[in-house]
C-alpha atoms as a PDB file:
ATOM      1  CA  MET A   1     -31.033  45.594  80.453  1.00  0.00           C
ATOM      2  CA  ALA A   2     -31.905  42.180  81.788  1.00  0.00           C
ATOM      3  CA  LEU A   3     -30.482  39.127  80.098  1.00  0.00           C
ATOM      4  CA  LEU A   4     -33.786  37.863  78.769  1.00  0.00           C
ATOM      5  CA  GLY A   5     -36.284  40.612  79.468  1.00  0.00           C
ATOM      6  CA  PHE A   6     -38.493  40.786  76.418  1.00  0.00           C
ATOM      7  CA  GLY A   7     -41.073  43.183  75.136  1.00  0.00           C
ATOM      8  CA  SER A   8     -41.645  45.547  78.014  1.00  0.00           C
ATOM      9  CA  GLU A   9     -40.343  49.071  78.387  1.00  0.00           C
ATOM     10  CA  ASN A  10     -38.987  48.277  81.849  1.00  0.00           C
ATOM     11  CA  LYS A  11     -36.241  45.705  81.452  1.00  0.00           C
ATOM     12  CA  THR A  12     -34.978  45.699  85.019  1.00  0.00           C
ATOM     13  CA  THR A  13     -36.034  42.111  85.643  1.00  0.00           C
ATOM     14  CA  ALA A  14     -36.337  39.232  83.216  1.00  0.00           C
ATOM     15  CA  LYS A  15     -39.391  37.025  83.373  1.00  0.00           C
ATOM     16  CA  LYS A  16     -38.758  33.896  85.398  1.00  0.00           C
ATOM     17  CA  SER A  17     -40.805  30.784  85.989  1.00  0.00           C
ATOM     18  CA  SER A  18     -41.578  29.435  89.445  1.00  0.00           C
ATOM     19  CA  ASP A  19     -38.457  27.250  89.303  1.00  0.00           C
ATOM     20  CA  GLY A  20     -36.233  30.250  88.528  1.00  0.00           C
ATOM     21  CA  ALA A  21     -35.601  29.506  84.837  1.00  0.00           C
ATOM     22  CA  TYR A  22     -36.075  32.310  82.326  1.00  0.00           C
ATOM     23  CA  ILE A  23     -39.275  32.245  80.290  1.00  0.00           C
ATOM     24  CA  ALA A  24     -38.930  32.354  76.511  1.00  0.00           C
ATOM     25  CA  PRO A  25     -40.637  35.242  74.716  1.00  0.00           C
ATOM     26  CA  ASP A  26     -44.172  34.694  73.502  1.00  0.00           C
ATOM     27  CA  ARG A  27     -45.385  35.180  69.919  1.00  0.00           C
ATOM     28  CA  THR A  28     -46.148  38.872  70.391  1.00  0.00           C
ATOM     29  CA  GLU A  29     -42.753  39.588  71.926  1.00  0.00           C
ATOM     30  CA  ARG A  30     -40.967  37.718  69.137  1.00  0.00           C
ATOM     31  CA  ALA A  31     -42.953  39.680  66.536  1.00  0.00           C
ATOM     32  CA  GLN A  32     -41.954  42.957  68.227  1.00  0.00           C
ATOM     33  CA  CYS A  33     -38.327  41.870  68.156  1.00  0.00           C
ATOM     34  CA  TRP A  34     -38.447  40.930  64.471  1.00  0.00           C
ATOM     35  CA  GLU A  35     -40.179  44.187  63.569  1.00  0.00           C
ATOM     36  CA  ALA A  36     -37.512  46.181  65.415  1.00  0.00           C
ATOM     37  CA  ARG A  37     -34.785  44.109  63.732  1.00  0.00           C
ATOM     38  CA  ASP A  38     -36.259  44.726  60.279  1.00  0.00           C
ATOM     39  CA  SER A  39     -36.503  48.461  60.938  1.00  0.00           C
ATOM     40  CA  TYR A  40     -32.885  48.487  62.115  1.00  0.00           C
ATOM     41  CA  TYR A  41     -31.751  46.556  59.025  1.00  0.00           C
ATOM     42  CA  SER A  42     -33.590  48.999  56.744  1.00  0.00           C
ATOM     43  CA  CYS A  43     -31.784  51.896  58.375  1.00  0.00           C
ATOM     44  CA  LEU A  44     -28.420  50.115  58.046  1.00  0.00           C
ATOM     45  CA  ASP A  45     -29.159  49.498  54.357  1.00  0.00           C
ATOM     46  CA  ARG A  46     -29.957  53.193  53.816  1.00  0.00           C
ATOM     47  CA  HIS A  47     -26.535  54.049  55.258  1.00  0.00           C
ATOM     48  CA  ASP A  48     -24.595  51.252  53.500  1.00  0.00           C
ATOM     49  CA  ILE A  49     -23.659  49.501  56.732  1.00  0.00           C
ATOM     50  CA  LEU A  50     -23.382  45.730  56.471  1.00  0.00           C
ATOM     51  CA  ASP A  51     -21.624  44.686  59.681  1.00  0.00           C
ATOM     52  CA  SER A  52     -22.995  46.637  62.617  1.00  0.00           C
ATOM     53  CA  LEU A  53     -20.696  44.771  64.996  1.00  0.00           C
ATOM     54  CA  LYS A  54     -17.555  46.008  63.232  1.00  0.00           C
ATOM     55  CA  GLU A  55     -19.083  49.407  62.475  1.00  0.00           C
ATOM     56  CA  GLY A  56     -20.890  49.765  65.791  1.00  0.00           C
ATOM     57  CA  GLU A  57     -20.299  53.482  66.312  1.00  0.00           C
ATOM     58  CA  LYS A  58     -21.333  54.376  62.784  1.00  0.00           C
ATOM     59  CA  ALA A  59     -24.465  52.234  63.134  1.00  0.00           C
ATOM     60  CA  LYS A  60     -25.389  53.853  66.468  1.00  0.00           C
ATOM     61  CA  ASN A  61     -24.837  57.349  65.036  1.00  0.00           C
ATOM     62  CA  CYS A  62     -26.752  56.724  61.805  1.00  0.00           C
ATOM     63  CA  CYS A  63     -29.601  54.695  63.320  1.00  0.00           C
ATOM     64  CA  PRO A  64     -29.898  55.702  66.989  1.00  0.00           C
ATOM     65  CA  GLU A  65     -33.651  55.224  67.380  1.00  0.00           C
ATOM     66  CA  GLU A  66     -33.756  51.971  65.427  1.00  0.00           C
ATOM     67  CA  SER A  67     -30.819  50.656  67.432  1.00  0.00           C
ATOM     68  CA  LYS A  68     -32.543  51.506  70.728  1.00  0.00           C
ATOM     69  CA  GLN A  69     -35.766  49.812  69.660  1.00  0.00           C
ATOM     70  CA  PHE A  70     -33.888  46.737  68.446  1.00  0.00           C
ATOM     71  CA  GLU A  71     -31.961  46.398  71.702  1.00  0.00           C
ATOM     72  CA  ARG A  72     -35.072  47.157  73.778  1.00  0.00           C
ATOM     73  CA  ASN A  73     -37.306  44.615  72.050  1.00  0.00           C
ATOM     74  CA  CYS A  74     -34.825  41.745  71.676  1.00  0.00           C
ATOM     75  CA  ALA A  75     -32.667  39.835  74.127  1.00  0.00           C
ATOM     76  CA  SER A  76     -29.011  40.813  73.918  1.00  0.00           C
ATOM     77  CA  SER A  77     -28.120  37.307  72.723  1.00  0.00           C
ATOM     78  CA  TRP A  78     -30.684  37.681  69.916  1.00  0.00           C
ATOM     79  CA  VAL A  79     -29.298  41.093  68.941  1.00  0.00           C
ATOM     80  CA  LYS A  80     -25.789  39.680  68.622  1.00  0.00           C
ATOM     81  CA  TYR A  81     -27.076  36.629  66.720  1.00  0.00           C
ATOM     82  CA  PHE A  82     -29.099  38.736  64.255  1.00  0.00           C
ATOM     83  CA  LYS A  83     -26.157  41.052  63.618  1.00  0.00           C
ATOM     84  CA  GLN A  84     -23.871  38.096  62.919  1.00  0.00           C
ATOM     85  CA  ARG A  85     -26.546  36.390  60.811  1.00  0.00           C
ATOM     86  CA  ARG A  86     -26.944  39.498  58.630  1.00  0.00           C
ATOM     87  CA  VAL A  87     -23.282  39.310  57.612  1.00  0.00           C
ATOM     88  CA  ALA A  88     -23.377  35.521  57.147  1.00  0.00           C
ATOM     89  CA  ASP A  89     -26.483  35.771  54.942  1.00  0.00           C
ATOM     90  CA  TRP A  90     -24.817  38.451  52.820  1.00  0.00           C
ATOM     91  CA  LYS A  91     -21.684  36.312  52.371  1.00  0.00           C
ATOM     92  CA  LYS A  92     -23.824  33.299  51.483  1.00  0.00           C
ATOM     93  CA  GLU A  93     -25.716  35.301  48.843  1.00  0.00           C
ATOM     94  CA  GLN A  94     -22.454  36.657  47.366  1.00  0.00           C
ATOM     95  CA  THR A  95     -21.113  33.104  47.097  1.00  0.00           C
ATOM     96  CA  ARG A  96     -24.332  31.932  45.455  1.00  0.00           C
ATOM     97  CA  LEU A  97     -24.179  34.764  42.919  1.00  0.00           C
ATOM     98  CA  LYS A  98     -20.532  34.005  42.144  1.00  0.00           C
ATOM     99  CA  LEU A  99     -21.282  30.324  41.583  1.00  0.00           C
ATOM    100  CA  GLU A 100     -24.280  31.213  39.433  1.00  0.00           C
ATOM    101  CA  LYS A 101     -22.041  33.394  37.246  1.00  0.00           C
ATOM    102  CA  GLU A 102     -19.677  30.448  36.859  1.00  0.00           C
ATOM    103  CA  ASN A 103     -22.600  28.257  35.739  1.00  0.00           C
ATOM    104  CA  ALA A 104     -22.339  26.028  38.780  1.00  0.00           C
ATOM    105  CA  VAL A 105     -24.841  23.187  39.041  1.00  0.00           C
ATOM    106  CA  ASN A 106     -26.994  22.645  42.107  1.00  0.00           C
ATOM    107  CA  ILE A 107     -26.028  19.265  43.592  1.00  0.00           C
ATOM    108  CA  ALA A 108     -29.681  18.540  44.414  1.00  0.00           C
ATOM    109  CA  ASP A 109     -30.496  18.722  40.683  1.00  0.00           C
ATOM    110  CA  VAL A 110     -27.701  16.257  39.937  1.00  0.00           C
ATOM    111  CA  LYS A 111     -28.904  13.824  42.594  1.00  0.00           C
ATOM    112  CA  ASP A 112     -32.511  13.820  41.413  1.00  0.00           C
ATOM    113  CA  GLY A 113     -31.474  13.364  37.770  1.00  0.00           C
ATOM    114  CA  SER A 114     -32.849  16.635  36.400  1.00  0.00           C
ATOM    115  CA  VAL A 115     -29.287  17.708  35.470  1.00  0.00           C
ATOM    116  CA  ARG A 116     -26.666  15.438  33.980  1.00  0.00           C
ATOM    117  CA  ILE A 117     -22.961  16.173  34.211  1.00  0.00           C
ATOM    118  CA  VAL A 118     -21.052  15.354  31.044  1.00  0.00           C
ATOM    119  CA  ASN A 119     -17.279  14.985  31.254  1.00  0.00           C
ATOM    120  CA  SER A 120     -15.458  16.675  28.412  1.00  0.00           C
END
């Protein structure tokens, strides 16, 4: 797979501009990547896999077609980023839920005056 070959079935060469720099994916190619990513995530969710980097073999075995499409339609750097982002987003949501349970106050609400902190 080429470093930045997007959207086509044949990824032997990445698209390059006349000056030799790689061309960023267009809107259609990005949409194809995101669709493949979402399909891959849905499959991971069905198999209770959060971190497909740590559980790479399990993810490939449980979601082989989705994995192929994801890697075919997205640049390898995007694939790695999305996999890392999935875990980071999950951790962020777990932290938010924990703070919500502890009745934490959103600092933005304190700054704008809609919530007042009273010292006891």
